[in-house]
Amino acid sequence: MQINTDYLHDATVFEIAIQIDHSGNRRLRVRMTCDTDCGCDELSNRNIDVLFDDPVIILAELFGHMANAEEFNSWNDVTSETMKRKLTRFTESGLPMPKHVVELVFHSGSVIEVACNDIQFAIG
C-alpha cells in the first residue's frame, strides 16, 4: 500500500527497530499511531508500520531527552552530505544505487536517513 507521507505528521512514534530475519534480510521498521487530525480519515488514529526493506545504509542521530512520546515531523527526499558520500562509496564498489533515499525527522530533533530498495506501509 502507498500512502501520502504528509499524513504522517504529528504521528506518535512508539517503536524504531532494525530487524534481521533468519536468512539475513534486513528491515528498518518505524511504528507509529497517526494523529486524529492527520487529514486522512482512513489513517486517523490508526497504527501504521513504515517498513524500509533491504536498507543498504541507515544513518541515525537519535535523541532521548524528551519527557513525552516522540512524534514524527516530516518525510523528506533530501540527503545529507554524509549520505551522499556513503552512497558514492557504495556505488563505486559496483553495487547498484538504492531505489529510495529518504530522511525522517522527528520532533525531538532526531533524524534517520535511509537508503533502501523498497518501502512498504502496513496499516493496523
PDB file of N, CA and C in Angstrom:
ATOM      1  N   MET A   1       0.839  -1.182   0.000  1.00  0.00           N
ATOM      2  CA  MET A   1       0.000   0.000   0.000  1.00  0.00           C
ATOM      3  C   MET A   1       0.879   1.238   0.000  1.00  0.00           C
ATOM      4  N   GLN A   2       0.564   2.208  -0.789  1.00  0.00           N
ATOM      5  CA  GLN A   2       1.237   3.505  -0.792  1.00  0.00           C
ATOM      6  C   GLN A   2       0.344   4.514  -0.088  1.00  0.00           C
ATOM      7  N   ILE A   3       0.946   5.402   0.668  1.00  0.00           N
ATOM      8  CA  ILE A   3       0.183   6.484   1.292  1.00  0.00           C
ATOM      9  C   ILE A   3       0.932   7.792   1.068  1.00  0.00           C
ATOM     10  N   ASN A   4       0.209   8.867   1.198  1.00  0.00           N
ATOM     11  CA  ASN A   4       0.809  10.192   1.146  1.00  0.00           C
ATOM     12  C   ASN A   4       1.500  10.416   2.493  1.00  0.00           C
ATOM     13  N   THR A   5       2.818  10.543   2.481  1.00  0.00           N
ATOM     14  CA  THR A   5       3.570  10.653   3.742  1.00  0.00           C
ATOM     15  C   THR A   5       3.286  11.960   4.487  1.00  0.00           C
ATOM     16  N   ASP A   6       2.654  12.916   3.834  1.00  0.00           N
ATOM     17  CA  ASP A   6       2.265  14.147   4.538  1.00  0.00           C
ATOM     18  C   ASP A   6       1.293  13.842   5.677  1.00  0.00           C
ATOM     19  N   TYR A   7       0.522  12.755   5.556  1.00  0.00           N
ATOM     20  CA  TYR A   7      -0.449  12.395   6.588  1.00  0.00           C
ATOM     21  C   TYR A   7       0.205  11.873   7.862  1.00  0.00           C
ATOM     22  N   LEU A   8       1.485  11.600   7.813  1.00  0.00           N
ATOM     23  CA  LEU A   8       2.173  11.057   8.986  1.00  0.00           C
ATOM     24  C   LEU A   8       2.580  12.130   9.993  1.00  0.00           C
ATOM     25  N   HIS A   9       2.439  13.407   9.638  1.00  0.00           N
ATOM     26  CA  HIS A   9       2.847  14.474  10.551  1.00  0.00           C
ATOM     27  C   HIS A   9       2.156  14.327  11.903  1.00  0.00           C
ATOM     28  N   ASP A  10       2.917  14.573  12.942  1.00  0.00           N
ATOM     29  CA  ASP A  10       2.440  14.528  14.330  1.00  0.00           C
ATOM     30  C   ASP A  10       2.027  13.128  14.805  1.00  0.00           C
ATOM     31  N   ALA A  11       2.356  12.091  14.038  1.00  0.00           N
ATOM     32  CA  ALA A  11       2.067  10.727  14.488  1.00  0.00           C
ATOM     33  C   ALA A  11       2.945  10.419  15.703  1.00  0.00           C
ATOM     34  N   THR A  12       2.400   9.692  16.658  1.00  0.00           N
ATOM     35  CA  THR A  12       3.150   9.287  17.839  1.00  0.00           C
ATOM     36  C   THR A  12       3.974   8.050  17.495  1.00  0.00           C
ATOM     37  N   VAL A  13       5.276   8.173  17.654  1.00  0.00           N
ATOM     38  CA  VAL A  13       6.193   7.079  17.330  1.00  0.00           C
ATOM     39  C   VAL A  13       6.404   6.240  18.578  1.00  0.00           C
ATOM     40  N   PHE A  14       6.168   4.936  18.479  1.00  0.00           N
ATOM     41  CA  PHE A  14       6.388   4.099  19.655  1.00  0.00           C
ATOM     42  C   PHE A  14       7.360   2.958  19.415  1.00  0.00           C
ATOM     43  N   GLU A  15       7.933   2.872  18.219  1.00  0.00           N
ATOM     44  CA  GLU A  15       8.990   1.880  18.023  1.00  0.00           C
ATOM     45  C   GLU A  15       9.796   2.211  16.773  1.00  0.00           C
ATOM     46  N   ILE A  16      11.105   2.121  16.924  1.00  0.00           N
ATOM     47  CA  ILE A  16      12.041   2.173  15.808  1.00  0.00           C
ATOM     48  C   ILE A  16      12.918   0.940  15.986  1.00  0.00           C
ATOM     49  N   ALA A  17      12.901   0.047  14.985  1.00  0.00           N
ATOM     50  CA  ALA A  17      13.609  -1.223  15.150  1.00  0.00           C
ATOM     51  C   ALA A  17      14.288  -1.647  13.859  1.00  0.00           C
ATOM     52  N   ILE A  18      15.448  -2.245  14.015  1.00  0.00           N
ATOM     53  CA  ILE A  18      16.121  -2.892  12.899  1.00  0.00           C
ATOM     54  C   ILE A  18      15.909  -4.385  13.088  1.00  0.00           C
ATOM     55  N   GLN A  19      15.329  -5.018  12.083  1.00  0.00           N
ATOM     56  CA  GLN A  19      15.031  -6.438  12.150  1.00  0.00           C
ATOM     57  C   GLN A  19      15.948  -7.190  11.189  1.00  0.00           C
ATOM     58  N   ILE A  20      16.418  -8.340  11.619  1.00  0.00           N
ATOM     59  CA  ILE A  20      17.218  -9.216  10.771  1.00  0.00           C
ATOM     60  C   ILE A  20      16.605 -10.600  10.875  1.00  0.00           C
ATOM     61  N   ASP A  21      16.130 -11.151   9.753  1.00  0.00           N
ATOM     62  CA  ASP A  21      15.494 -12.458   9.824  1.00  0.00           C
ATOM     63  C   ASP A  21      16.526 -13.581   9.722  1.00  0.00           C
ATOM     64  N   HIS A  22      16.061 -14.823   9.778  1.00  0.00           N
ATOM     65  CA  HIS A  22      16.948 -15.986   9.806  1.00  0.00           C
ATOM     66  C   HIS A  22      17.825 -16.105   8.560  1.00  0.00           C
ATOM     67  N   SER A  23      17.414 -15.519   7.431  1.00  0.00           N
ATOM     68  CA  SER A  23      18.264 -15.585   6.243  1.00  0.00           C
ATOM     69  C   SER A  23      19.117 -14.336   6.041  1.00  0.00           C
ATOM     70  N   GLY A  24      19.105 -13.435   7.019  1.00  0.00           N
ATOM     71  CA  GLY A  24      19.961 -12.257   6.952  1.00  0.00           C
ATOM     72  C   GLY A  24      19.329 -11.043   6.294  1.00  0.00           C
ATOM     73  N   ASN A  25      18.062 -11.146   5.871  1.00  0.00           N
ATOM     74  CA  ASN A  25      17.378  -9.989   5.298  1.00  0.00           C
ATOM     75  C   ASN A  25      17.149  -8.950   6.385  1.00  0.00           C
ATOM     76  N   ARG A  26      17.362  -7.700   6.013  1.00  0.00           N
ATOM     77  CA  ARG A  26      17.231  -6.618   6.977  1.00  0.00           C
ATOM     78  C   ARG A  26      16.030  -5.740   6.662  1.00  0.00           C
ATOM     79  N   ARG A  27      15.526  -5.102   7.730  1.00  0.00           N
ATOM     80  CA  ARG A  27      14.389  -4.195   7.587  1.00  0.00           C
ATOM     81  C   ARG A  27      14.455  -3.187   8.732  1.00  0.00           C
ATOM     82  N   LEU A  28      14.238  -1.922   8.399  1.00  0.00           N
ATOM     83  CA  LEU A  28      14.054  -0.892   9.416  1.00  0.00           C
ATOM     84  C   LEU A  28      12.561  -0.658   9.514  1.00  0.00           C
ATOM     85  N   ARG A  29      12.034  -0.727  10.751  1.00  0.00           N
ATOM     86  CA  ARG A  29      10.603  -0.514  10.960  1.00  0.00           C
ATOM     87  C   ARG A  29      10.408   0.684  11.878  1.00  0.00           C
ATOM     88  N   VAL A  30       9.549   1.597  11.463  1.00  0.00           N
ATOM     89  CA  VAL A  30       9.118   2.709  12.308  1.00  0.00           C
ATOM     90  C   VAL A  30       7.621   2.521  12.515  1.00  0.00           C
ATOM     91  N   ARG A  31       7.247   2.280  13.760  1.00  0.00           N
ATOM     92  CA  ARG A  31       5.847   2.017  14.110  1.00  0.00           C
ATOM     93  C   ARG A  31       5.292   3.256  14.796  1.00  0.00           C
ATOM     94  N   MET A  32       4.115   3.700  14.345  1.00  0.00           N
ATOM     95  CA  MET A  32       3.526   4.921  14.888  1.00  0.00           C
ATOM     96  C   MET A  32       2.010   4.859  14.838  1.00  0.00           C
ATOM     97  N   THR A  33       1.387   5.787  15.569  1.00  0.00           N
ATOM     98  CA  THR A  33      -0.057   5.963  15.522  1.00  0.00           C
ATOM     99  C   THR A  33      -0.331   7.328  14.928  1.00  0.00           C
ATOM    100  N   CYS A  34      -1.084   7.344  13.844  1.00  0.00           N
ATOM    101  CA  CYS A  34      -1.375   8.605  13.158  1.00  0.00           C
ATOM    102  C   CYS A  34      -2.240   9.503  14.027  1.00  0.00           C
ATOM    103  N   ASP A  35      -2.014  10.795  13.885  1.00  0.00           N
ATOM    104  CA  ASP A  35      -2.757  11.806  14.623  1.00  0.00           C
ATOM    105  C   ASP A  35      -4.216  11.814  14.177  1.00  0.00           C
ATOM    106  N   THR A  36      -5.123  12.130  15.090  1.00  0.00           N
ATOM    107  CA  THR A  36      -6.546  12.181  14.730  1.00  0.00           C
ATOM    108  C   THR A  36      -6.842  13.284  13.721  1.00  0.00           C
ATOM    109  N   ASP A  37      -5.979  14.292  13.648  1.00  0.00           N
ATOM    110  CA  ASP A  37      -6.148  15.391  12.693  1.00  0.00           C
ATOM    111  C   ASP A  37      -5.134  15.306  11.550  1.00  0.00           C
ATOM    112  N   CYS A  38      -4.798  14.097  11.128  1.00  0.00           N
ATOM    113  CA  CYS A  38      -3.757  13.938  10.106  1.00  0.00           C
ATOM    114  C   CYS A  38      -4.205  14.369   8.716  1.00  0.00           C
ATOM    115  N   GLY A  39      -5.512  14.466   8.497  1.00  0.00           N
ATOM    116  CA  GLY A  39      -6.014  14.888   7.191  1.00  0.00           C
ATOM    117  C   GLY A  39      -6.525  13.753   6.326  1.00  0.00           C
ATOM    118  N   CYS A  40      -6.475  12.528   6.839  1.00  0.00           N
ATOM    119  CA  CYS A  40      -6.948  11.365   6.082  1.00  0.00           C
ATOM    120  C   CYS A  40      -7.754  10.481   7.026  1.00  0.00           C
ATOM    121  N   ASP A  41      -9.055  10.366   6.784  1.00  0.00           N
ATOM    122  CA  ASP A  41      -9.925   9.588   7.669  1.00  0.00           C
ATOM    123  C   ASP A  41      -9.472   8.135   7.789  1.00  0.00           C
ATOM    124  N   GLU A  42      -8.958   7.563   6.709  1.00  0.00           N
ATOM    125  CA  GLU A  42      -8.522   6.167   6.715  1.00  0.00           C
ATOM    126  C   GLU A  42      -7.352   5.939   7.679  1.00  0.00           C
ATOM    127  N   LEU A  43      -6.525   6.969   7.891  1.00  0.00           N
ATOM    128  CA  LEU A  43      -5.349   6.839   8.748  1.00  0.00           C
ATOM    129  C   LEU A  43      -5.534   7.426  10.144  1.00  0.00           C
ATOM    130  N   SER A  44      -6.547   8.241  10.333  1.00  0.00           N
ATOM    131  CA  SER A  44      -6.770   8.922  11.603  1.00  0.00           C
ATOM    132  C   SER A  44      -6.818   7.945  12.773  1.00  0.00           C
ATOM    133  N   ASN A  45      -5.903   8.160  13.733  1.00  0.00           N
ATOM    134  CA  ASN A  45      -5.830   7.357  14.963  1.00  0.00           C
ATOM    135  C   ASN A  45      -5.552   5.870  14.700  1.00  0.00           C
ATOM    136  N   ARG A  46      -4.941   5.564  13.562  1.00  0.00           N
ATOM    137  CA  ARG A  46      -4.618   4.172  13.212  1.00  0.00           C
ATOM    138  C   ARG A  46      -3.126   3.934  13.375  1.00  0.00           C
ATOM    139  N   ASN A  47      -2.777   2.703  13.725  1.00  0.00           N
ATOM    140  CA  ASN A  47      -1.374   2.316  13.780  1.00  0.00           C
ATOM    141  C   ASN A  47      -0.868   2.064  12.370  1.00  0.00           C
ATOM    142  N   ILE A  48       0.372   2.460  12.138  1.00  0.00           N
ATOM    143  CA  ILE A  48       0.986   2.242  10.838  1.00  0.00           C
ATOM    144  C   ILE A  48       2.435   1.840  11.038  1.00  0.00           C
ATOM    145  N   ASP A  49       2.853   0.860  10.276  1.00  0.00           N
ATOM    146  CA  ASP A  49       4.263   0.468  10.223  1.00  0.00           C
ATOM    147  C   ASP A  49       4.826   0.981   8.911  1.00  0.00           C
ATOM    148  N   VAL A  50       5.915   1.717   8.995  1.00  0.00           N
ATOM    149  CA  VAL A  50       6.655   2.111   7.808  1.00  0.00           C
ATOM    150  C   VAL A  50       7.848   1.163   7.751  1.00  0.00           C
ATOM    151  N   LEU A  51       7.916   0.376   6.689  1.00  0.00           N
ATOM    152  CA  LEU A  51       8.901  -0.698   6.569  1.00  0.00           C
ATOM    153  C   LEU A  51       9.876  -0.384   5.441  1.00  0.00           C
ATOM    154  N   PHE A  52      11.134  -0.244   5.805  1.00  0.00           N
ATOM    155  CA  PHE A  52      12.195   0.013   4.834  1.00  0.00           C
ATOM    156  C   PHE A  52      12.922  -1.308   4.614  1.00  0.00           C
ATOM    157  N   ASP A  53      12.605  -1.960   3.505  1.00  0.00           N
ATOM    158  CA  ASP A  53      13.172  -3.272   3.220  1.00  0.00           C
ATOM    159  C   ASP A  53      14.523  -3.147   2.543  1.00  0.00           C
ATOM    160  N   ASP A  54      15.415  -4.048   2.900  1.00  0.00           N
ATOM    161  CA  ASP A  54      16.763  -4.120   2.335  1.00  0.00           C
ATOM    162  C   ASP A  54      17.494  -2.780   2.439  1.00  0.00           C
ATOM    163  N   PRO A  55      17.550  -2.201   3.664  1.00  0.00           N
ATOM    164  CA  PRO A  55      18.292  -0.944   3.796  1.00  0.00           C
ATOM    165  C   PRO A  55      19.782  -1.203   3.599  1.00  0.00           C
ATOM    166  N   VAL A  56      20.394  -0.434   2.710  1.00  0.00           N
ATOM    167  CA  VAL A  56      21.824  -0.607   2.471  1.00  0.00           C
ATOM    168  C   VAL A  56      22.645   0.380   3.299  1.00  0.00           C
ATOM    169  N   ILE A  57      22.029   1.504   3.659  1.00  0.00           N
ATOM    170  CA  ILE A  57      22.665   2.477   4.548  1.00  0.00           C
ATOM    171  C   ILE A  57      21.583   3.076   5.441  1.00  0.00           C
ATOM    172  N   ILE A  58      21.841   3.104   6.738  1.00  0.00           N
ATOM    173  CA  ILE A  58      20.973   3.784   7.703  1.00  0.00           C
ATOM    174  C   ILE A  58      21.873   4.713   8.513  1.00  0.00           C
ATOM    175  N   LEU A  59      21.579   5.989   8.473  1.00  0.00           N
ATOM    176  CA  LEU A  59      22.281   6.968   9.300  1.00  0.00           C
ATOM    177  C   LEU A  59      21.262   7.522  10.286  1.00  0.00           C
ATOM    178  N   ALA A  60      21.600   7.521  11.557  1.00  0.00           N
ATOM    179  CA  ALA A  60      20.643   7.981  12.554  1.00  0.00           C
ATOM    180  C   ALA A  60      21.321   8.811  13.625  1.00  0.00           C
ATOM    181  N   GLU A  61      20.632   9.851  14.010  1.00  0.00           N
ATOM    182  CA  GLU A  61      21.000  10.639  15.186  1.00  0.00           C
ATOM    183  C   GLU A  61      19.731  10.710  16.016  1.00  0.00           C
ATOM    184  N   LEU A  62      19.710   9.930  17.097  1.00  0.00           N
ATOM    185  CA  LEU A  62      18.502   9.800  17.902  1.00  0.00           C
ATOM    186  C   LEU A  62      18.724  10.406  19.274  1.00  0.00           C
ATOM    187  N   PHE A  63      17.804  11.257  19.691  1.00  0.00           N
ATOM    188  CA  PHE A  63      17.885  11.909  20.986  1.00  0.00           C
ATOM    189  C   PHE A  63      16.857  11.313  21.932  1.00  0.00           C
ATOM    190  N   GLY A  64      17.225  11.142  23.168  1.00  0.00           N
ATOM    191  CA  GLY A  64      16.330  10.561  24.151  1.00  0.00           C
ATOM    192  C   GLY A  64      15.964  11.505  25.271  1.00  0.00           C
ATOM    193  N   HIS A  65      16.118  12.793  25.060  1.00  0.00           N
ATOM    194  CA  HIS A  65      15.911  13.774  26.131  1.00  0.00           C
ATOM    195  C   HIS A  65      14.463  14.194  26.322  1.00  0.00           C
ATOM    196  N   MET A  66      13.543  13.673  25.543  1.00  0.00           N
ATOM    197  CA  MET A  66      12.158  14.129  25.606  1.00  0.00           C
ATOM    198  C   MET A  66      11.424  13.498  26.782  1.00  0.00           C
ATOM    199  N   ALA A  67      10.603  14.284  27.446  1.00  0.00           N
ATOM    200  CA  ALA A  67       9.808  13.782  28.564  1.00  0.00           C
ATOM    201  C   ALA A  67       8.557  13.068  28.064  1.00  0.00           C
ATOM    202  N   ASN A  68       8.049  13.467  26.918  1.00  0.00           N
ATOM    203  CA  ASN A  68       6.832  12.879  26.364  1.00  0.00           C
ATOM    204  C   ASN A  68       7.188  11.929  25.224  1.00  0.00           C
ATOM    205  N   ALA A  69       6.167  11.346  24.627  1.00  0.00           N
ATOM    206  CA  ALA A  69       6.372  10.435  23.500  1.00  0.00           C
ATOM    207  C   ALA A  69       7.011  11.185  22.327  1.00  0.00           C
ATOM    208  N   GLU A  70       7.721  10.442  21.505  1.00  0.00           N
ATOM    209  CA  GLU A  70       8.304  11.007  20.275  1.00  0.00           C
ATOM    210  C   GLU A  70       7.191  11.181  19.255  1.00  0.00           C
ATOM    211  N   GLU A  71       7.314  12.221  18.435  1.00  0.00           N
ATOM    212  CA  GLU A  71       6.348  12.435  17.355  1.00  0.00           C
ATOM    213  C   GLU A  71       7.092  12.606  16.046  1.00  0.00           C
ATOM    214  N   PHE A  72       6.453  12.140  14.987  1.00  0.00           N
ATOM    215  CA  PHE A  72       7.015  12.250  13.654  1.00  0.00           C
ATOM    216  C   PHE A  72       6.761  13.654  13.125  1.00  0.00           C
ATOM    217  N   ASN A  73       7.761  14.238  12.492  1.00  0.00           N
ATOM    218  CA  ASN A  73       7.614  15.589  11.972  1.00  0.00           C
ATOM    219  C   ASN A  73       7.489  15.610  10.461  1.00  0.00           C
ATOM    220  N   SER A  74       8.504  15.076   9.742  1.00  0.00           N
ATOM    221  CA  SER A  74       8.435  15.174   8.277  1.00  0.00           C
ATOM    222  C   SER A  74       9.225  14.069   7.592  1.00  0.00           C
ATOM    223  N   TRP A  75       8.855  13.850   6.342  1.00  0.00           N
ATOM    224  CA  TRP A  75       9.463  12.868   5.443  1.00  0.00           C
ATOM    225  C   TRP A  75      10.031  13.681   4.296  1.00  0.00           C
ATOM    226  N   ASN A  76      11.336  13.607   4.108  1.00  0.00           N
ATOM    227  CA  ASN A  76      11.976  14.427   3.079  1.00  0.00           C
ATOM    228  C   ASN A  76      12.755  13.558   2.096  1.00  0.00           C
ATOM    229  N   ASP A  77      12.783  13.996   0.856  1.00  0.00           N
ATOM    230  CA  ASP A  77      13.544  13.307  -0.181  1.00  0.00           C
ATOM    231  C   ASP A  77      14.900  13.975  -0.396  1.00  0.00           C
ATOM    232  N   VAL A  78      15.442  14.571   0.654  1.00  0.00           N
ATOM    233  CA  VAL A  78      16.768  15.200   0.580  1.00  0.00           C
ATOM    234  C   VAL A  78      17.761  14.320   1.319  1.00  0.00           C
ATOM    235  N   THR A  79      19.021  14.461   0.976  1.00  0.00           N
ATOM    236  CA  THR A  79      20.048  13.668   1.650  1.00  0.00           C
ATOM    237  C   THR A  79      21.166  14.571   2.128  1.00  0.00           C
ATOM    238  N   SER A  80      21.767  14.182   3.218  1.00  0.00           N
ATOM    239  CA  SER A  80      22.884  14.931   3.785  1.00  0.00           C
ATOM    240  C   SER A  80      24.144  14.685   2.961  1.00  0.00           C
ATOM    241  N   GLU A  81      25.135  15.514   3.183  1.00  0.00           N
ATOM    242  CA  GLU A  81      26.431  15.321   2.521  1.00  0.00           C
ATOM    243  C   GLU A  81      27.056  13.995   2.950  1.00  0.00           C
ATOM    244  N   THR A  82      26.857  13.622   4.202  1.00  0.00           N
ATOM    245  CA  THR A  82      27.390  12.343   4.691  1.00  0.00           C
ATOM    246  C   THR A  82      26.761  11.181   3.927  1.00  0.00           C
ATOM    247  N   MET A  83      25.441  11.208   3.745  1.00  0.00           N
ATOM    248  CA  MET A  83      24.774  10.139   2.996  1.00  0.00           C
ATOM    249  C   MET A  83      25.253  10.131   1.547  1.00  0.00           C
ATOM    250  N   LYS A  84      25.401  11.294   0.947  1.00  0.00           N
ATOM    251  CA  LYS A  84      25.882  11.357  -0.444  1.00  0.00           C
ATOM    252  C   LYS A  84      27.264  10.710  -0.571  1.00  0.00           C
ATOM    253  N   ARG A  85      28.150  10.995   0.375  1.00  0.00           N
ATOM    254  CA  ARG A  85      29.492  10.390   0.340  1.00  0.00           C
ATOM    255  C   ARG A  85      29.424   8.871   0.487  1.00  0.00           C
ATOM    256  N   LYS A  86      28.584   8.411   1.388  1.00  0.00           N
ATOM    257  CA  LYS A  86      28.459   6.966   1.600  1.00  0.00           C
ATOM    258  C   LYS A  86      27.847   6.280   0.377  1.00  0.00           C
ATOM    259  N   LEU A  87      26.873   6.928  -0.252  1.00  0.00           N
ATOM    260  CA  LEU A  87      26.277   6.366  -1.466  1.00  0.00           C
ATOM    261  C   LEU A  87      27.293   6.320  -2.606  1.00  0.00           C
ATOM    262  N   THR A  88      28.132   7.342  -2.692  1.00  0.00           N
ATOM    263  CA  THR A  88      29.183   7.341  -3.725  1.00  0.00           C
ATOM    264  C   THR A  88      30.123   6.168  -3.520  1.00  0.00           C
ATOM    265  N   ARG A  89      30.581   5.956  -2.289  1.00  0.00           N
ATOM    266  CA  ARG A  89      31.444   4.805  -1.996  1.00  0.00           C
ATOM    267  C   ARG A  89      30.732   3.494  -2.300  1.00  0.00           C
ATOM    268  N   PHE A  90      29.469   3.426  -1.974  1.00  0.00           N
ATOM    269  CA  PHE A  90      28.658   2.231  -2.195  1.00  0.00           C
ATOM    270  C   PHE A  90      28.589   1.897  -3.686  1.00  0.00           C
ATOM    271  N   THR A  91      28.236   2.903  -4.507  1.00  0.00           N
ATOM    272  CA  THR A  91      28.086   2.644  -5.944  1.00  0.00           C
ATOM    273  C   THR A  91      29.433   2.471  -6.641  1.00  0.00           C
ATOM    274  N   GLU A  92      30.477   3.150  -6.144  1.00  0.00           N
ATOM    275  CA  GLU A  92      31.808   2.970  -6.729  1.00  0.00           C
ATOM    276  C   GLU A  92      32.339   1.560  -6.523  1.00  0.00           C
ATOM    277  N   SER A  93      31.815   0.861  -5.528  1.00  0.00           N
ATOM    278  CA  SER A  93      32.244  -0.520  -5.294  1.00  0.00           C
ATOM    279  C   SER A  93      31.531  -1.489  -6.237  1.00  0.00           C
ATOM    280  N   GLY A  94      30.661  -0.949  -7.103  1.00  0.00           N
ATOM    281  CA  GLY A  94      29.979  -1.778  -8.089  1.00  0.00           C
ATOM    282  C   GLY A  94      28.564  -2.160  -7.727  1.00  0.00           C
ATOM    283  N   LEU A  95      28.085  -1.717  -6.569  1.00  0.00           N
ATOM    284  CA  LEU A  95      26.726  -2.031  -6.150  1.00  0.00           C
ATOM    285  C   LEU A  95      25.744  -1.017  -6.745  1.00  0.00           C
ATOM    286  N   PRO A  96      24.523  -1.446  -7.057  1.00  0.00           N
ATOM    287  CA  PRO A  96      23.554  -0.525  -7.661  1.00  0.00           C
ATOM    288  C   PRO A  96      23.056   0.516  -6.660  1.00  0.00           C
ATOM    289  N   MET A  97      22.732   1.683  -7.167  1.00  0.00           N
ATOM    290  CA  MET A  97      22.167   2.758  -6.345  1.00  0.00           C
ATOM    291  C   MET A  97      20.819   2.294  -5.793  1.00  0.00           C
ATOM    292  N   PRO A  98      20.588   2.457  -4.492  1.00  0.00           N
ATOM    293  CA  PRO A  98      19.286   2.086  -3.920  1.00  0.00           C
ATOM    294  C   PRO A  98      18.164   2.897  -4.569  1.00  0.00           C
ATOM    295  N   LYS A  99      16.980   2.312  -4.634  1.00  0.00           N
ATOM    296  CA  LYS A  99      15.837   2.966  -5.279  1.00  0.00           C
ATOM    297  C   LYS A  99      15.315   4.161  -4.480  1.00  0.00           C
ATOM    298  N   HIS A 100      15.455   4.113  -3.156  1.00  0.00           N
ATOM    299  CA  HIS A 100      14.899   5.156  -2.294  1.00  0.00           C
ATOM    300  C   HIS A 100      15.969   5.684  -1.344  1.00  0.00           C
ATOM    301  N   VAL A 101      16.001   6.997  -1.186  1.00  0.00           N
ATOM    302  CA  VAL A 101      16.827   7.635  -0.160  1.00  0.00           C
ATOM    303  C   VAL A 101      15.943   8.701   0.480  1.00  0.00           C
ATOM    304  N   VAL A 102      15.633   8.511   1.770  1.00  0.00           N
ATOM    305  CA  VAL A 102      14.730   9.436   2.454  1.00  0.00           C
ATOM    306  C   VAL A 102      15.296   9.835   3.806  1.00  0.00           C
ATOM    307  N   GLU A 103      14.804  10.952   4.279  1.00  0.00           N
ATOM    308  CA  GLU A 103      15.164  11.468   5.600  1.00  0.00           C
ATOM    309  C   GLU A 103      13.884  11.575   6.417  1.00  0.00           C
ATOM    310  N   LEU A 104      13.913  11.010   7.623  1.00  0.00           N
ATOM    311  CA  LEU A 104      12.797  11.100   8.557  1.00  0.00           C
ATOM    312  C   LEU A 104      13.211  12.032   9.686  1.00  0.00           C
ATOM    313  N   VAL A 105      12.372  13.017   9.973  1.00  0.00           N
ATOM    314  CA  VAL A 105      12.684  13.995  11.014  1.00  0.00           C
ATOM    315  C   VAL A 105      11.612  13.890  12.095  1.00  0.00           C
ATOM    316  N   PHE A 106      12.062  13.915  13.350  1.00  0.00           N
ATOM    317  CA  PHE A 106      11.173  13.770  14.500  1.00  0.00           C
ATOM    318  C   PHE A 106      11.188  15.058  15.319  1.00  0.00           C
ATOM    319  N   HIS A 107      10.146  15.251  16.135  1.00  0.00           N
ATOM    320  CA  HIS A 107      10.007  16.479  16.925  1.00  0.00           C
ATOM    321  C   HIS A 107      11.169  16.708  17.888  1.00  0.00           C
ATOM    322  N   SER A 108      11.797  15.648  18.350  1.00  0.00           N
ATOM    323  CA  SER A 108      12.914  15.784  19.293  1.00  0.00           C
ATOM    324  C   SER A 108      14.169  16.348  18.634  1.00  0.00           C
ATOM    325  N   GLY A 109      14.172  16.381  17.296  1.00  0.00           N
ATOM    326  CA  GLY A 109      15.377  16.738  16.560  1.00  0.00           C
ATOM    327  C   GLY A 109      16.091  15.513  16.022  1.00  0.00           C
ATOM    328  N   SER A 110      15.613  14.334  16.402  1.00  0.00           N
ATOM    329  CA  SER A 110      16.182  13.092  15.881  1.00  0.00           C
ATOM    330  C   SER A 110      15.965  13.019  14.373  1.00  0.00           C
ATOM    331  N   VAL A 111      16.927  12.408  13.692  1.00  0.00           N
ATOM    332  CA  VAL A 111      16.866  12.264  12.236  1.00  0.00           C
ATOM    333  C   VAL A 111      17.345  10.866  11.865  1.00  0.00           C
ATOM    334  N   ILE A 112      16.625  10.234  10.946  1.00  0.00           N
ATOM    335  CA  ILE A 112      17.062   8.958  10.369  1.00  0.00           C
ATOM    336  C   ILE A 112      17.076   9.123   8.863  1.00  0.00           C
ATOM    337  N   GLU A 113      18.212   8.797   8.250  1.00  0.00           N
ATOM    338  CA  GLU A 113      18.296   8.747   6.793  1.00  0.00           C
ATOM    339  C   GLU A 113      18.411   7.289   6.390  1.00  0.00           C
ATOM    340  N   VAL A 114      17.655   6.906   5.376  1.00  0.00           N
ATOM    341  CA  VAL A 114      17.630   5.517   4.941  1.00  0.00           C
ATOM    342  C   VAL A 114      17.792   5.451   3.431  1.00  0.00           C
ATOM    343  N   ALA A 115      18.711   4.603   2.992  1.00  0.00           N
ATOM    344  CA  ALA A 115      18.837   4.253   1.582  1.00  0.00           C
ATOM    345  C   ALA A 115      18.428   2.793   1.482  1.00  0.00           C
ATOM    346  N   CYS A 116      17.372   2.522   0.717  1.00  0.00           N
ATOM    347  CA  CYS A 116      16.838   1.159   0.654  1.00  0.00           C
ATOM    348  C   CYS A 116      16.237   0.889  -0.716  1.00  0.00           C
ATOM    349  N   ASN A 117      15.821  -0.345  -0.915  1.00  0.00           N
ATOM    350  CA  ASN A 117      15.270  -0.728  -2.209  1.00  0.00           C
ATOM    351  C   ASN A 117      13.758  -0.852  -2.236  1.00  0.00           C
ATOM    352  N   ASP A 118      13.115  -0.836  -1.068  1.00  0.00           N
ATOM    353  CA  ASP A 118      11.653  -0.918  -1.058  1.00  0.00           C
ATOM    354  C   ASP A 118      11.132  -0.298   0.231  1.00  0.00           C
ATOM    355  N   ILE A 119      10.007   0.411   0.114  1.00  0.00           N
ATOM    356  CA  ILE A 119       9.321   0.983   1.270  1.00  0.00           C
ATOM    357  C   ILE A 119       7.875   0.500   1.233  1.00  0.00           C
ATOM    358  N   GLN A 120       7.437  -0.029   2.358  1.00  0.00           N
ATOM    359  CA  GLN A 120       6.059  -0.510   2.473  1.00  0.00           C
ATOM    360  C   GLN A 120       5.387   0.167   3.658  1.00  0.00           C
ATOM    361  N   PHE A 121       4.076   0.283   3.560  1.00  0.00           N
ATOM    362  CA  PHE A 121       3.269   0.830   4.645  1.00  0.00           C
ATOM    363  C   PHE A 121       2.233  -0.224   5.031  1.00  0.00           C
ATOM    364  N   ALA A 122       2.163  -0.547   6.300  1.00  0.00           N
ATOM    365  CA  ALA A 122       1.183  -1.521   6.788  1.00  0.00           C
ATOM    366  C   ALA A 122       0.305  -0.836   7.830  1.00  0.00           C
ATOM    367  N   ILE A 123      -0.981  -0.788   7.559  1.00  0.00           N
ATOM    368  CA  ILE A 123      -1.922  -0.133   8.474  1.00  0.00           C
ATOM    369  C   ILE A 123      -2.568  -1.195   9.352  1.00  0.00           C
ATOM    370  N   GLY A 124      -2.501  -0.944  10.664  1.00  0.00           N
ATOM    371  CA  GLY A 124      -3.060  -1.895  11.618  1.00  0.00           C
ATOM    372  C   GLY A 124      -4.332  -1.427  12.243  1.00  0.00           C
TER     373      GLY A 124
END
